Amino acid sequence: MKPIDRYHKWVQWSEEDEVYIGHCPDLITGIHGDDPIAVYEQLCETVQDVIDHYESEGKPLPDPRTKPMQEVA
């Protein structure tokens, strides 16, 4: 598994801001725009940039804490 795949990422509409907002709370916040697909692509690129920075500095990546909800039987 690639490091980026360990982190939960999602895009949702913000009524308050009237834009789509990309989330990856374990690493970054603040990606936003009018096109949800473009926001997700930018979110993934930014998360990868953060991961690359950690690796170039020789720092360990933070443990992922945010997990998608799981169905309960």
N, C-alpha and C. Protein backbone atom coordinates (compact mmCIF):
# COMPACT_ATOMS: atom_id res chain seq x y z
N MET A 1 0.84 -1.17 0.00
CA MET A 1 0.00 0.00 0.00
C MET A 1 0.90 1.24 0.00
N LYS A 2 0.54 2.21 -0.84
CA LYS A 2 1.27 3.46 -0.88
C LYS A 2 0.93 4.29 0.36
N PRO A 3 1.88 5.11 0.83
CA PRO A 3 1.59 5.94 2.01
C PRO A 3 0.33 6.80 1.85
N ILE A 4 0.09 7.35 0.65
CA ILE A 4 -1.09 8.21 0.46
C ILE A 4 -2.40 7.45 0.69
N ASP A 5 -2.38 6.14 0.44
CA ASP A 5 -3.59 5.34 0.59
C ASP A 5 -3.97 5.10 2.05
N ARG A 6 -3.07 5.39 2.96
CA ARG A 6 -3.34 5.20 4.38
C ARG A 6 -4.23 6.31 4.94
N TYR A 7 -4.29 7.44 4.23
CA TYR A 7 -4.98 8.61 4.75
C TYR A 7 -6.34 8.81 4.08
N HIS A 8 -7.36 9.02 4.91
CA HIS A 8 -8.72 9.22 4.43
C HIS A 8 -8.84 10.62 3.84
N LYS A 9 -9.35 10.70 2.62
CA LYS A 9 -9.52 11.96 1.90
C LYS A 9 -10.95 12.02 1.37
N TRP A 10 -11.57 13.19 1.47
CA TRP A 10 -12.89 13.34 0.90
C TRP A 10 -13.17 14.80 0.56
N VAL A 11 -14.19 14.99 -0.28
CA VAL A 11 -14.64 16.32 -0.71
C VAL A 11 -16.11 16.43 -0.36
N GLN A 12 -16.49 17.58 0.18
CA GLN A 12 -17.91 17.80 0.47
C GLN A 12 -18.27 19.26 0.19
N TRP A 13 -19.55 19.47 -0.09
CA TRP A 13 -20.06 20.80 -0.37
C TRP A 13 -20.23 21.56 0.95
N SER A 14 -19.81 22.82 0.98
CA SER A 14 -20.00 23.69 2.13
C SER A 14 -21.08 24.71 1.80
N GLU A 15 -22.23 24.60 2.44
CA GLU A 15 -23.31 25.57 2.24
C GLU A 15 -22.84 26.96 2.66
N GLU A 16 -22.12 27.03 3.77
CA GLU A 16 -21.66 28.32 4.31
C GLU A 16 -20.73 29.05 3.33
N ASP A 17 -19.78 28.31 2.76
CA ASP A 17 -18.79 28.92 1.87
C ASP A 17 -19.19 28.85 0.39
N GLU A 18 -20.18 28.02 0.08
CA GLU A 18 -20.65 27.80 -1.28
C GLU A 18 -19.54 27.33 -2.22
N VAL A 19 -18.71 26.42 -1.72
CA VAL A 19 -17.65 25.78 -2.50
C VAL A 19 -17.51 24.34 -2.00
N TYR A 20 -16.84 23.53 -2.79
CA TYR A 20 -16.46 22.19 -2.35
C TYR A 20 -15.17 22.31 -1.55
N ILE A 21 -15.09 21.56 -0.46
CA ILE A 21 -13.90 21.59 0.39
C ILE A 21 -13.33 20.19 0.48
N GLY A 22 -12.02 20.09 0.23
CA GLY A 22 -11.31 18.81 0.34
C GLY A 22 -10.73 18.65 1.73
N HIS A 23 -10.86 17.45 2.27
CA HIS A 23 -10.41 17.17 3.63
C HIS A 23 -9.42 16.01 3.67
N CYS A 24 -8.39 16.16 4.43
CA CYS A 24 -7.49 15.08 4.85
C CYS A 24 -6.95 15.54 6.20
N PRO A 25 -7.78 15.44 7.24
CA PRO A 25 -7.46 16.07 8.52
C PRO A 25 -6.19 15.57 9.19
N ASP A 26 -5.72 14.41 8.82
CA ASP A 26 -4.48 13.91 9.42
C ASP A 26 -3.25 14.63 8.88
N LEU A 27 -3.39 15.29 7.71
CA LEU A 27 -2.22 15.96 7.12
C LEU A 27 -2.45 17.42 6.74
N ILE A 28 -3.60 17.77 6.15
CA ILE A 28 -3.82 19.14 5.67
C ILE A 28 -5.29 19.51 5.73
N THR A 29 -5.57 20.80 5.57
CA THR A 29 -6.94 21.29 5.40
C THR A 29 -6.90 22.46 4.42
N GLY A 30 -8.05 22.86 3.93
CA GLY A 30 -8.15 24.09 3.18
C GLY A 30 -8.16 24.03 1.67
N ILE A 31 -8.25 22.86 1.06
CA ILE A 31 -8.36 22.78 -0.39
C ILE A 31 -9.82 23.04 -0.74
N HIS A 32 -10.06 23.98 -1.65
CA HIS A 32 -11.45 24.29 -1.99
C HIS A 32 -11.56 24.76 -3.44
N GLY A 33 -12.79 24.67 -3.97
CA GLY A 33 -13.05 25.09 -5.34
C GLY A 33 -14.46 24.77 -5.78
N ASP A 34 -14.76 25.09 -7.04
CA ASP A 34 -16.11 24.91 -7.58
C ASP A 34 -16.37 23.55 -8.20
N ASP A 35 -15.33 22.81 -8.53
CA ASP A 35 -15.45 21.51 -9.21
C ASP A 35 -14.97 20.41 -8.27
N PRO A 36 -15.87 19.52 -7.82
CA PRO A 36 -15.46 18.51 -6.85
C PRO A 36 -14.35 17.58 -7.35
N ILE A 37 -14.34 17.29 -8.64
CA ILE A 37 -13.31 16.40 -9.18
C ILE A 37 -11.96 17.10 -9.15
N ALA A 38 -11.94 18.36 -9.55
CA ALA A 38 -10.69 19.13 -9.52
C ALA A 38 -10.20 19.31 -8.08
N VAL A 39 -11.13 19.53 -7.14
CA VAL A 39 -10.74 19.69 -5.73
C VAL A 39 -10.12 18.39 -5.23
N TYR A 40 -10.70 17.24 -5.58
CA TYR A 40 -10.13 15.96 -5.13
C TYR A 40 -8.75 15.74 -5.73
N GLU A 41 -8.58 16.07 -7.00
CA GLU A 41 -7.27 15.91 -7.63
C GLU A 41 -6.23 16.79 -6.94
N GLN A 42 -6.60 18.04 -6.66
CA GLN A 42 -5.68 18.95 -5.98
C GLN A 42 -5.40 18.47 -4.56
N LEU A 43 -6.41 17.94 -3.89
CA LEU A 43 -6.24 17.41 -2.55
C LEU A 43 -5.22 16.27 -2.57
N CYS A 44 -5.36 15.34 -3.50
CA CYS A 44 -4.43 14.21 -3.59
C CYS A 44 -3.01 14.68 -3.89
N GLU A 45 -2.87 15.66 -4.79
CA GLU A 45 -1.55 16.19 -5.11
C GLU A 45 -0.92 16.85 -3.89
N THR A 46 -1.72 17.59 -3.14
CA THR A 46 -1.20 18.28 -1.96
C THR A 46 -0.83 17.29 -0.86
N VAL A 47 -1.66 16.28 -0.65
CA VAL A 47 -1.33 15.25 0.33
C VAL A 47 -0.03 14.55 -0.06
N GLN A 48 0.13 14.24 -1.34
CA GLN A 48 1.38 13.61 -1.79
C GLN A 48 2.57 14.53 -1.56
N ASP A 49 2.40 15.84 -1.79
CA ASP A 49 3.47 16.81 -1.53
C ASP A 49 3.86 16.81 -0.05
N VAL A 50 2.87 16.74 0.83
CA VAL A 50 3.14 16.71 2.27
C VAL A 50 3.91 15.44 2.62
N ILE A 51 3.48 14.31 2.07
CA ILE A 51 4.16 13.04 2.32
C ILE A 51 5.60 13.11 1.82
N ASP A 52 5.79 13.65 0.62
CA ASP A 52 7.14 13.79 0.06
C ASP A 52 8.01 14.66 0.95
N HIS A 53 7.44 15.73 1.50
CA HIS A 53 8.20 16.61 2.38
C HIS A 53 8.64 15.87 3.65
N TYR A 54 7.71 15.15 4.26
CA TYR A 54 8.06 14.35 5.45
C TYR A 54 9.22 13.42 5.12
N GLU A 55 9.10 12.71 4.00
CA GLU A 55 10.13 11.74 3.63
C GLU A 55 11.46 12.42 3.33
N SER A 56 11.44 13.59 2.67
CA SER A 56 12.70 14.28 2.35
C SER A 56 13.39 14.80 3.61
N GLU A 57 12.62 15.08 4.65
CA GLU A 57 13.17 15.55 5.92
C GLU A 57 13.55 14.38 6.83
N GLY A 58 13.24 13.17 6.41
CA GLY A 58 13.53 12.00 7.23
C GLY A 58 12.64 11.87 8.45
N LYS A 59 11.49 12.52 8.40
CA LYS A 59 10.55 12.49 9.52
C LYS A 59 9.52 11.39 9.29
N PRO A 60 9.09 10.71 10.34
CA PRO A 60 8.04 9.70 10.18
C PRO A 60 6.69 10.37 9.91
N LEU A 61 5.90 9.72 9.08
CA LEU A 61 4.55 10.22 8.82
C LEU A 61 3.68 10.03 10.06
N PRO A 62 2.75 10.96 10.30
CA PRO A 62 1.83 10.75 11.42
C PRO A 62 0.94 9.54 11.17
N ASP A 63 0.58 8.88 12.24
CA ASP A 63 -0.35 7.76 12.12
C ASP A 63 -1.71 8.28 11.67
N PRO A 64 -2.35 7.61 10.71
CA PRO A 64 -3.70 8.02 10.32
C PRO A 64 -4.67 7.79 11.48
N ARG A 65 -5.44 8.79 11.80
CA ARG A 65 -6.42 8.67 12.88
C ARG A 65 -7.84 8.74 12.36
N THR A 66 -8.04 9.42 11.22
CA THR A 66 -9.38 9.57 10.65
C THR A 66 -9.69 8.35 9.80
N LYS A 67 -10.79 7.71 10.09
CA LYS A 67 -11.17 6.50 9.35
C LYS A 67 -12.58 6.68 8.82
N PRO A 68 -12.84 6.12 7.63
CA PRO A 68 -14.23 6.19 7.13
C PRO A 68 -15.16 5.39 8.05
N MET A 69 -16.40 5.79 8.07
CA MET A 69 -17.37 5.05 8.89
C MET A 69 -17.55 3.65 8.33
N GLN A 70 -17.74 2.73 9.21
CA GLN A 70 -17.98 1.36 8.80
C GLN A 70 -19.43 1.02 9.10
N GLU A 71 -20.00 0.20 8.22
CA GLU A 71 -21.39 -0.23 8.46
C GLU A 71 -21.44 -1.13 9.69
N VAL A 72 -22.47 -0.93 10.47
CA VAL A 72 -22.67 -1.75 11.64
C VAL A 72 -23.83 -2.69 11.35
N ALA A 73 -23.60 -3.96 11.57
CA ALA A 73 -24.63 -4.96 11.27
C ALA A 73 -25.74 -4.93 12.29
